[in-house]
């Protein structure tokens, strides 16, 4: 999905999900940056408890 497609979807009020895939190694402790933690806390009511199993229809 391109940035232009995301922008158009947001402009039209379409439901939009943002996902970042990050490899997490069990032997390495990784801290969440304060900025990210603040955003997650601020918008915790926006994130559904469980994501859909498949992509939404086009």
Foldseek 3Di string as FASTA:
>chain_A
DDPVVVVVCVVVVHDDDDDDDDDDDPVDDDDDDPVVVVVCVVCVVVDDPDDDPDDDDD
